[in-house]
């Protein structure tokens, strides 16, 4: 069966594979501070709040970069965008390995590498893959998005090992070289075109001005609901869990290698969850599916509150439960974007969503460190995450289903004249 699926669209599945590996490396580097944070505190005497703020500023840079990357992807295709993003990430991480002052850390990791994070991002990968599929689109997007956690499985435990044996600086050299090695593969295998569906969707129509397309997006109720829920998604995943899970585990008296291993378990279940969600997005009511993902994700934070009172096995229970519903929102959200807002501005739409997702993540990363420094506990972070996740679920339930319209061009071409 697998061979038959690949033969249906071999070119599309090659793109899925390349995007999978590119996203796996960049996502792991973005999450690396959770492993490196204790070493930075020990060597430089920096507070957890400052290191969290550096992670937050990196996410802000990612947020600002995302819509511009998406807009350029709509115009030029993904190959150039991804190559530039990988090289920028390599440069930022390599410079991070030689930092000696706070401003150098902010300039190399938060700014330079942050640009790469916003360029080789889940939203850009989802847009690229969506252009190559009509059948099995949800499954393809789920598999490619799983790269965002595959890197956690392979690279974060490797980073923890290198950190333990050689030091955190060599760990960043290792991550930087991982980005550099991928560049020739991306250049050769992705190609210039953004895909046959992208070409067809944009054929015969002059591109609208960026302001017109943005005005169109923010007038669509579906986009606004997705925007709110996806911002909360960023707060609870990339912001809170990816930045603070391992430091929280260490603060509970559990060794860092156990925390890194649990993060790997979370990533493994994440891959399974994204593949299942992608498959279900092709089969069932997508707003119901998306809302359920957010609600169960929120309830999983209850397990974290119980960890100090019980034992380390709860860390792995949380990793499994949260992992299944962590990035599972990505293929469902992307499928809703394709059917409700169209393919021709897919890159821009997902870029704006990615910007707000990263903005929510930045707030989560900062508040996690700030509240810990203030109260010496993460409990209020977990409680807030529960409430926000339930709110995201309500937003998703309010979206109307509109399956079957994925291949239509964006409605901006029809409404732009009326916007004046």
Protein backbone atom coordinates (compact mmCIF):
# COMPACT_ATOMS: atom_id res chain seq x y z
CA UNK A 1 0.00 0.00 0.00
CA UNK A 2 2.83 2.38 0.86
CA UNK A 3 4.42 1.84 -2.55
CA UNK A 4 1.10 2.55 -4.25
CA UNK A 5 0.69 5.80 -2.32
CA UNK A 6 4.17 6.95 -3.32
CA UNK A 7 3.60 6.04 -6.98
CA UNK A 8 0.48 8.22 -7.03
CA UNK A 9 2.62 11.35 -6.60
CA UNK A 10 6.37 10.57 -6.48
CA UNK A 11 7.43 14.19 -6.94
CA UNK A 12 5.21 15.32 -4.10
CA UNK A 13 6.56 12.70 -1.72
CA UNK A 14 10.16 13.71 -2.52
CA UNK A 15 9.24 17.25 -1.47
CA UNK A 16 7.65 15.85 1.70
CA UNK A 17 10.88 13.98 2.55
CA UNK A 18 13.13 17.01 1.99
CA UNK A 19 10.85 19.28 4.00
CA UNK A 20 10.73 16.67 6.76
CA UNK A 21 14.50 16.67 7.23
CA UNK A 22 14.94 20.44 6.88
CA UNK A 23 12.25 21.10 9.45
CA UNK A 24 13.62 18.45 11.80
CA UNK A 25 17.03 20.14 12.04
CA UNK A 26 15.77 23.72 12.37
CA UNK A 27 13.06 22.85 14.91
CA UNK A 28 15.57 21.01 17.08
CA UNK A 29 17.93 24.00 17.06
CA UNK A 30 15.08 26.32 18.04
CA UNK A 31 14.30 24.10 21.04
CA UNK A 32 17.95 23.71 22.07
CA UNK A 33 17.79 26.32 24.84
CA UNK A 34 15.76 23.94 26.98
CA UNK A 35 18.80 21.64 27.08
CA UNK A 36 21.47 24.35 27.23
CA UNK A 37 19.77 26.64 29.79
CA UNK A 38 21.31 25.07 32.94
CA UNK A 39 24.82 25.28 31.37
CA UNK A 40 24.35 28.96 30.48
CA UNK A 41 23.18 29.68 34.02
CA UNK A 42 26.22 27.90 35.46
CA UNK A 43 28.85 29.46 33.16
CA UNK A 44 27.61 33.04 32.90
CA UNK A 45 25.43 33.42 36.00
CA UNK A 46 22.49 34.49 33.84
CA UNK A 47 19.01 34.17 35.31
CA UNK A 48 16.45 31.80 33.90
CA UNK A 49 14.35 34.87 33.14
CA UNK A 50 17.06 36.37 30.90
CA UNK A 51 17.68 33.13 29.01
CA UNK A 52 13.92 32.72 28.57
CA UNK A 53 13.74 36.28 27.26
CA UNK A 54 16.45 35.40 24.70
CA UNK A 55 14.29 32.49 23.57
CA UNK A 56 11.32 34.86 23.45
CA UNK A 57 13.22 37.40 21.33
CA UNK A 58 14.20 34.61 18.96
CA UNK A 59 10.52 33.78 18.59
CA UNK A 60 9.73 37.46 18.02
CA UNK A 61 12.29 37.51 15.22
CA UNK A 62 10.72 34.34 13.86
CA UNK A 63 7.29 35.99 14.06
CA UNK A 64 8.40 39.08 12.14
CA UNK A 65 10.16 36.96 9.52
CA UNK A 66 7.32 34.49 8.89
CA UNK A 67 4.87 36.62 6.84
CA UNK A 68 7.66 38.01 4.65
CA UNK A 69 8.95 34.49 4.03
CA UNK A 70 5.44 33.34 3.20
CA UNK A 71 4.89 36.20 0.78
CA UNK A 72 8.20 35.46 -0.95
CA UNK A 73 7.36 31.77 -1.11
CA UNK A 74 4.14 32.61 -2.97
CA UNK A 75 6.21 34.54 -5.53
CA UNK A 76 9.46 32.58 -5.86
CA UNK A 77 8.80 29.07 -4.60
CA UNK A 78 10.43 27.33 -1.64
CA UNK A 79 13.93 26.37 -2.81
CA UNK A 80 15.62 29.74 -2.42
CA UNK A 81 13.66 30.52 0.74
CA UNK A 82 14.72 27.29 2.46
CA UNK A 83 18.38 27.53 1.41
CA UNK A 84 18.65 31.07 2.78
CA UNK A 85 16.92 29.99 5.99
CA UNK A 86 19.23 27.02 6.54
CA UNK A 87 22.36 29.08 5.92
CA UNK A 88 21.19 31.86 8.24
CA UNK A 89 20.47 29.31 10.96
CA UNK A 90 23.92 27.74 10.48
CA UNK A 91 25.58 31.15 10.78
CA UNK A 92 23.61 32.14 13.87
CA UNK A 93 24.28 28.87 15.71
CA UNK A 94 27.99 28.89 14.86
CA UNK A 95 28.34 32.40 16.25
CA UNK A 96 26.38 31.37 19.35
CA UNK A 97 29.09 28.81 20.08
CA UNK A 98 31.58 31.68 20.62
CA UNK A 99 29.51 34.10 22.71
CA UNK A 100 30.95 35.76 25.81
CA UNK A 101 28.38 38.47 26.60
CA UNK A 102 24.58 38.78 26.75
CA UNK A 103 24.35 41.05 23.67
CA UNK A 104 26.27 38.49 21.61
CA UNK A 105 23.81 35.81 22.65
CA UNK A 106 20.87 37.97 21.63
CA UNK A 107 22.48 38.95 18.31
CA UNK A 108 23.53 35.45 17.25
CA UNK A 109 20.74 33.23 18.57
CA UNK A 110 17.74 35.52 18.99
CA UNK A 111 18.27 37.64 15.87
CA UNK A 112 20.33 35.81 13.26
CA UNK A 113 19.24 32.24 13.99
CA UNK A 114 15.73 33.57 14.64
CA UNK A 115 15.52 34.71 11.01
CA UNK A 116 16.34 31.16 9.95
CA UNK A 117 13.69 29.76 12.32
CA UNK A 118 11.07 31.97 10.67
CA UNK A 119 12.15 30.96 7.17
CA UNK A 120 12.35 27.18 7.57
CA UNK A 121 9.19 26.98 9.64
CA UNK A 122 6.25 24.62 9.89
CA UNK A 123 4.01 27.11 8.10
CA UNK A 124 6.39 27.33 5.13
CA UNK A 125 6.71 23.56 4.93
CA UNK A 126 2.94 23.12 5.12
CA UNK A 127 2.39 25.62 2.30
CA UNK A 128 5.02 23.93 0.13
CA UNK A 129 3.56 20.46 0.62
CA UNK A 130 -0.03 21.65 0.11
CA UNK A 131 0.88 22.91 -3.38
CA UNK A 132 1.87 19.38 -4.44
CA UNK A 133 -1.19 17.41 -3.29
CA UNK A 134 -4.91 17.19 -3.81
CA UNK A 135 -5.44 13.60 -2.67
CA UNK A 136 -3.88 12.68 0.71
CA UNK A 137 -3.02 16.31 1.39
CA UNK A 138 -3.70 16.05 5.10
CA UNK A 139 -1.56 12.92 5.38
CA UNK A 140 1.31 14.52 3.45
CA UNK A 141 1.23 17.66 5.59
CA UNK A 142 1.09 15.57 8.75
CA UNK A 143 4.16 13.56 7.75
CA UNK A 144 6.18 16.61 6.69
CA UNK A 145 5.23 18.50 9.85
CA UNK A 146 6.39 15.49 11.87
CA UNK A 147 9.90 16.59 10.97
CA UNK A 148 9.51 19.32 13.59
CA UNK A 149 9.66 16.61 16.24
CA UNK A 150 11.84 14.04 14.51
CA UNK A 151 14.76 16.38 15.08
CA UNK A 152 13.93 16.45 18.78
CA UNK A 153 14.18 12.67 18.92
CA UNK A 154 17.55 12.50 17.17
CA UNK A 155 19.24 15.83 17.87
CA UNK A 156 18.24 16.94 21.37
CA UNK A 157 19.47 13.76 23.09
CA UNK A 158 22.63 14.06 20.96
CA UNK A 159 22.97 17.68 22.10
CA UNK A 160 22.55 16.60 25.74
CA UNK A 161 25.29 13.98 25.25
CA UNK A 162 27.68 16.45 23.59
CA UNK A 163 26.91 18.98 26.32
CA UNK A 164 27.74 16.43 29.02
CA UNK A 165 30.98 15.21 27.40
CA UNK A 166 32.35 18.21 25.49
CA UNK A 167 30.35 21.26 26.60
CA UNK A 168 27.48 23.28 25.24
CA UNK A 169 29.60 25.25 22.71
CA UNK A 170 30.45 22.12 20.74
CA UNK A 171 26.75 21.28 20.82
CA UNK A 172 25.94 24.45 18.88
CA UNK A 173 28.72 23.75 16.40
CA UNK A 174 27.14 20.35 15.83
CA UNK A 175 23.67 21.83 15.27
CA UNK A 176 25.03 24.49 12.91
CA UNK A 177 26.83 21.93 10.75
CA UNK A 178 23.64 19.86 10.60
CA UNK A 179 21.90 22.83 8.93
CA UNK A 180 24.78 23.38 6.52
CA UNK A 181 24.85 19.75 5.36
CA UNK A 182 21.19 19.91 4.31
CA UNK A 183 21.58 22.86 1.92
CA UNK A 184 22.72 20.95 -1.21
CA UNK A 185 19.92 18.42 -0.77
CA UNK A 186 17.31 21.16 -0.53
CA UNK A 187 18.73 22.94 -3.57
CA UNK A 188 18.77 19.79 -5.68
CA UNK A 189 15.53 18.09 -4.70
CA UNK A 190 12.94 20.77 -4.02
CA UNK A 191 13.35 22.62 -7.34
CA UNK A 192 12.23 26.08 -8.40
CA UNK A 193 8.50 25.54 -8.68
CA UNK A 194 6.18 25.74 -5.70
CA UNK A 195 4.15 22.93 -7.24
CA UNK A 196 1.59 22.28 -9.97
CA UNK A 197 -1.36 23.38 -7.85
CA UNK A 198 0.34 26.66 -6.98
CA UNK A 199 1.03 27.29 -10.66
CA UNK A 200 -2.55 26.53 -11.63
CA UNK A 201 -4.06 28.55 -8.79
CA UNK A 202 -2.10 31.62 -9.77
CA UNK A 203 -2.41 31.29 -13.53
CA UNK A 204 -3.90 34.16 -15.44
CA UNK A 205 -4.22 36.54 -12.49
CA UNK A 206 -2.08 39.49 -11.56
CA UNK A 207 -0.80 39.31 -7.99
CA UNK A 208 -2.68 41.54 -5.58
CA UNK A 209 -0.86 44.07 -3.43
CA UNK A 210 0.23 42.77 -0.05
CA UNK A 211 -2.04 45.21 1.77
CA UNK A 212 -5.05 44.01 -0.22
CA UNK A 213 -4.36 40.37 0.60
CA UNK A 214 -3.84 41.11 4.28
CA UNK A 215 -7.06 43.14 4.40
CA UNK A 216 -8.90 40.22 2.83
CA UNK A 217 -7.52 37.76 5.35
CA UNK A 218 -8.43 39.76 8.44
CA UNK A 219 -12.00 40.17 7.15
CA UNK A 220 -12.54 36.41 7.07
CA UNK A 221 -14.14 34.97 10.26
CA UNK A 222 -12.43 31.61 9.72
CA UNK A 223 -9.01 33.25 9.54
CA UNK A 224 -9.62 35.26 12.71
CA UNK A 225 -10.71 32.16 14.63
CA UNK A 226 -7.71 30.21 13.35
CA UNK A 227 -5.46 33.13 14.25
CA UNK A 228 -6.62 33.26 17.88
CA UNK A 229 -6.39 29.51 18.37
CA UNK A 230 -3.02 29.26 16.64
CA UNK A 231 -1.58 32.06 18.79
CA UNK A 232 -2.59 30.14 21.88
CA UNK A 233 -1.15 27.01 20.28
CA UNK A 234 2.24 28.75 20.07
CA UNK A 235 2.05 29.84 23.72
CA UNK A 236 1.40 26.34 25.02
CA UNK A 237 3.77 24.39 22.73
CA UNK A 238 6.84 26.24 21.41
CA UNK A 239 6.66 28.82 24.19
CA UNK A 240 5.92 26.95 27.40
CA UNK A 241 6.73 23.28 26.84
CA UNK A 242 9.67 23.45 24.42
CA UNK A 243 11.40 26.16 26.46
CA UNK A 244 10.56 25.14 30.03
CA UNK A 245 9.81 21.42 30.21
CA UNK A 246 13.41 20.30 30.75
CA UNK A 247 14.28 23.13 33.18
CA UNK A 248 11.09 22.27 35.09
CA UNK A 249 12.06 18.61 35.25
CA UNK A 250 15.52 19.56 36.53
CA UNK A 251 13.95 21.86 39.14
CA UNK A 252 11.98 18.84 40.40
CA UNK A 253 15.28 17.07 41.13
CA UNK A 254 15.20 14.84 38.05
CA UNK A 255 18.46 14.47 36.01
CA UNK A 256 18.71 16.42 32.77
CA UNK A 257 19.22 13.27 30.69
CA UNK A 258 15.87 11.99 31.94
CA UNK A 259 14.28 15.27 30.87
CA UNK A 260 15.94 15.12 27.45
CA UNK A 261 14.80 11.52 27.03
CA UNK A 262 11.25 12.47 27.99
CA UNK A 263 11.40 15.23 25.40
CA UNK A 264 12.40 12.61 22.87
CA UNK A 265 9.40 10.51 23.90
CA UNK A 266 7.19 13.58 23.49
CA UNK A 267 8.62 14.08 20.02
CA UNK A 268 8.00 10.45 19.07
CA UNK A 269 4.35 10.66 20.09
CA UNK A 270 4.21 14.03 18.35
CA UNK A 271 5.11 12.36 15.05
CA UNK A 272 2.40 9.77 15.55
CA UNK A 273 -0.13 12.44 16.50
CA UNK A 274 0.59 14.56 13.42
CA UNK A 275 0.31 11.59 11.07
CA UNK A 276 -2.98 10.52 12.63
CA UNK A 277 -4.35 14.08 12.61
CA UNK A 278 -3.32 14.49 8.96
CA UNK A 279 -5.09 11.26 8.05
CA UNK A 280 -8.22 12.25 9.97
CA UNK A 281 -8.22 15.72 8.39
CA UNK A 282 -8.94 13.99 5.07
CA UNK A 283 -11.77 11.95 6.58
CA UNK A 284 -13.75 13.86 9.23
CA UNK A 285 -15.18 17.19 10.42
CA UNK A 286 -12.03 19.27 10.77
CA UNK A 287 -13.21 22.02 13.22
CA UNK A 288 -14.39 19.29 15.60
CA UNK A 289 -11.04 17.52 15.22
CA UNK A 290 -9.04 20.72 15.80
CA UNK A 291 -11.06 21.76 18.85
CA UNK A 292 -10.69 18.31 20.40
CA UNK A 293 -6.92 18.47 19.92
CA UNK A 294 -6.71 21.77 21.81
CA UNK A 295 -8.96 20.64 24.67
CA UNK A 296 -7.09 17.38 25.34
CA UNK A 297 -3.75 19.18 25.02
CA UNK A 298 -4.85 21.60 27.74
CA UNK A 299 -5.97 18.84 30.10
CA UNK A 300 -2.56 17.17 29.82
CA UNK A 301 -0.97 20.05 31.79
CA UNK A 302 -2.70 18.70 34.90
CA UNK A 303 -0.10 15.91 34.88
CA UNK A 304 2.75 18.43 35.13
CA UNK A 305 1.23 19.99 38.24
CA UNK A 306 1.32 16.56 39.91
CA UNK A 307 4.98 15.76 39.13
CA UNK A 308 6.62 17.26 42.27
CA UNK A 309 4.20 15.33 44.50
CA UNK A 310 4.68 11.95 42.86
CA UNK A 311 7.56 10.59 40.74
CA UNK A 312 9.45 10.98 37.48
CA UNK A 313 7.25 8.48 35.66
CA UNK A 314 4.65 11.23 35.36
CA UNK A 315 7.10 13.12 33.14
CA UNK A 316 6.90 10.34 30.57
CA UNK A 317 3.12 10.09 30.93
CA UNK A 318 2.85 13.80 30.17
CA UNK A 319 5.28 13.44 27.26
CA UNK A 320 3.14 10.73 25.69
CA UNK A 321 -0.21 12.47 26.20
CA UNK A 322 0.91 15.97 25.28
CA UNK A 323 2.92 14.65 22.34
CA UNK A 324 -0.10 13.07 20.67
CA UNK A 325 -1.92 16.43 20.65
CA UNK A 326 1.02 18.84 20.38
CA UNK A 327 1.67 19.57 16.70
CA UNK A 328 -1.40 17.61 15.62
CA UNK A 329 -3.04 20.99 15.07
CA UNK A 330 -0.73 21.79 12.14
CA UNK A 331 -2.12 19.55 9.35
CA UNK A 332 -5.70 20.29 10.40
CA UNK A 333 -5.13 24.06 10.46
CA UNK A 334 -3.36 23.95 7.10
CA UNK A 335 -6.17 21.91 5.57
CA UNK A 336 -8.71 24.48 6.78
CA UNK A 337 -6.62 27.31 5.32
CA UNK A 338 -6.52 25.58 1.92
CA UNK A 339 -10.27 24.99 1.77
CA UNK A 340 -11.46 28.29 3.28
CA UNK A 341 -8.88 30.81 2.02
CA UNK A 342 -7.38 29.25 -1.12
CA UNK A 343 -4.00 28.14 -2.42
CA UNK A 344 -2.87 31.28 -4.22
CA UNK A 345 -2.08 33.11 -0.96
CA UNK A 346 -1.30 29.98 1.02
CA UNK A 347 2.24 31.08 1.85
CA UNK A 348 1.15 34.50 3.09
CA UNK A 349 -1.78 33.08 5.07
CA UNK A 350 0.33 30.49 6.83
CA UNK A 351 3.10 33.05 7.26
CA UNK A 352 0.78 35.38 9.16
CA UNK A 353 -0.53 32.48 11.22
CA UNK A 354 3.07 31.48 11.87
CA UNK A 355 3.88 35.03 12.95
CA UNK A 356 1.15 35.00 15.60
CA UNK A 357 2.04 31.44 16.60
CA UNK A 358 5.62 32.57 17.19
CA UNK A 359 4.37 35.68 19.00
CA UNK A 360 2.33 33.50 21.34
CA UNK A 361 5.37 31.27 21.79
CA UNK A 362 7.54 34.28 22.64
CA UNK A 363 5.04 35.34 25.31
CA UNK A 364 4.94 31.80 26.69
CA UNK A 365 8.73 31.51 26.80
CA UNK A 366 9.09 34.88 28.54
CA UNK A 367 6.25 34.46 31.03
CA UNK A 368 7.45 30.97 31.93
CA UNK A 369 10.83 32.32 33.04
CA UNK A 370 9.38 35.50 34.56
CA UNK A 371 6.77 33.67 36.65
CA UNK A 372 9.31 31.09 37.77
CA UNK A 373 11.71 33.81 38.95
CA UNK A 374 8.80 35.53 40.69
CA UNK A 375 7.20 32.54 42.44
CA UNK A 376 9.92 29.86 42.21
CA UNK A 377 7.33 27.49 40.75
CA UNK A 378 5.86 26.72 37.33
CA UNK A 379 2.36 25.93 38.63
CA UNK A 380 0.84 29.22 37.46
CA UNK A 381 2.29 28.66 33.99
CA UNK A 382 0.63 25.25 33.75
CA UNK A 383 -2.70 26.53 35.11
CA UNK A 384 -2.72 29.39 32.59
CA UNK A 385 -1.92 26.97 29.79
CA UNK A 386 -4.94 24.85 30.69
CA UNK A 387 -7.31 27.82 30.47
CA UNK A 388 -5.82 29.10 27.23
CA UNK A 389 -5.96 25.68 25.55
CA UNK A 390 -9.65 25.33 26.40
CA UNK A 391 -10.22 28.79 24.88
CA UNK A 392 -8.44 27.69 21.68
CA UNK A 393 -10.72 24.67 21.54
CA UNK A 394 -13.80 26.88 21.70
CA UNK A 395 -12.44 29.03 18.86
CA UNK A 396 -11.90 25.94 16.71
CA UNK A 397 -15.38 24.56 17.39
CA UNK A 398 -16.83 27.86 16.10
CA UNK A 399 -15.35 27.36 12.59
CA UNK A 400 -17.73 26.15 9.89
CA UNK A 401 -16.73 23.11 7.87
CA UNK A 402 -16.15 23.79 4.18
CA UNK A 403 -14.51 20.67 2.74
CA UNK A 404 -14.04 20.23 -1.00
CA UNK A 405 -12.84 23.72 -2.00
CA UNK A 406 -9.08 23.21 -1.63
CA UNK A 407 -8.10 23.82 -5.22
CA UNK A 408 -9.96 27.06 -5.80
CA UNK A 409 -7.90 30.24 -6.17
CA UNK A 410 -8.01 32.71 -3.36
CA UNK A 411 -11.09 34.87 -3.16
CA UNK A 412 -8.97 38.01 -3.10
CA UNK A 413 -9.08 38.09 -6.86
CA UNK A 414 -12.87 38.34 -6.69
CA UNK A 415 -13.21 40.84 -3.84
CA UNK A 416 -10.18 43.08 -4.34
CA UNK A 417 -11.98 45.61 -6.58
CA UNK A 418 -14.70 46.06 -3.96
CA UNK A 419 -12.13 46.82 -1.33
CA UNK A 420 -11.05 49.87 -3.19
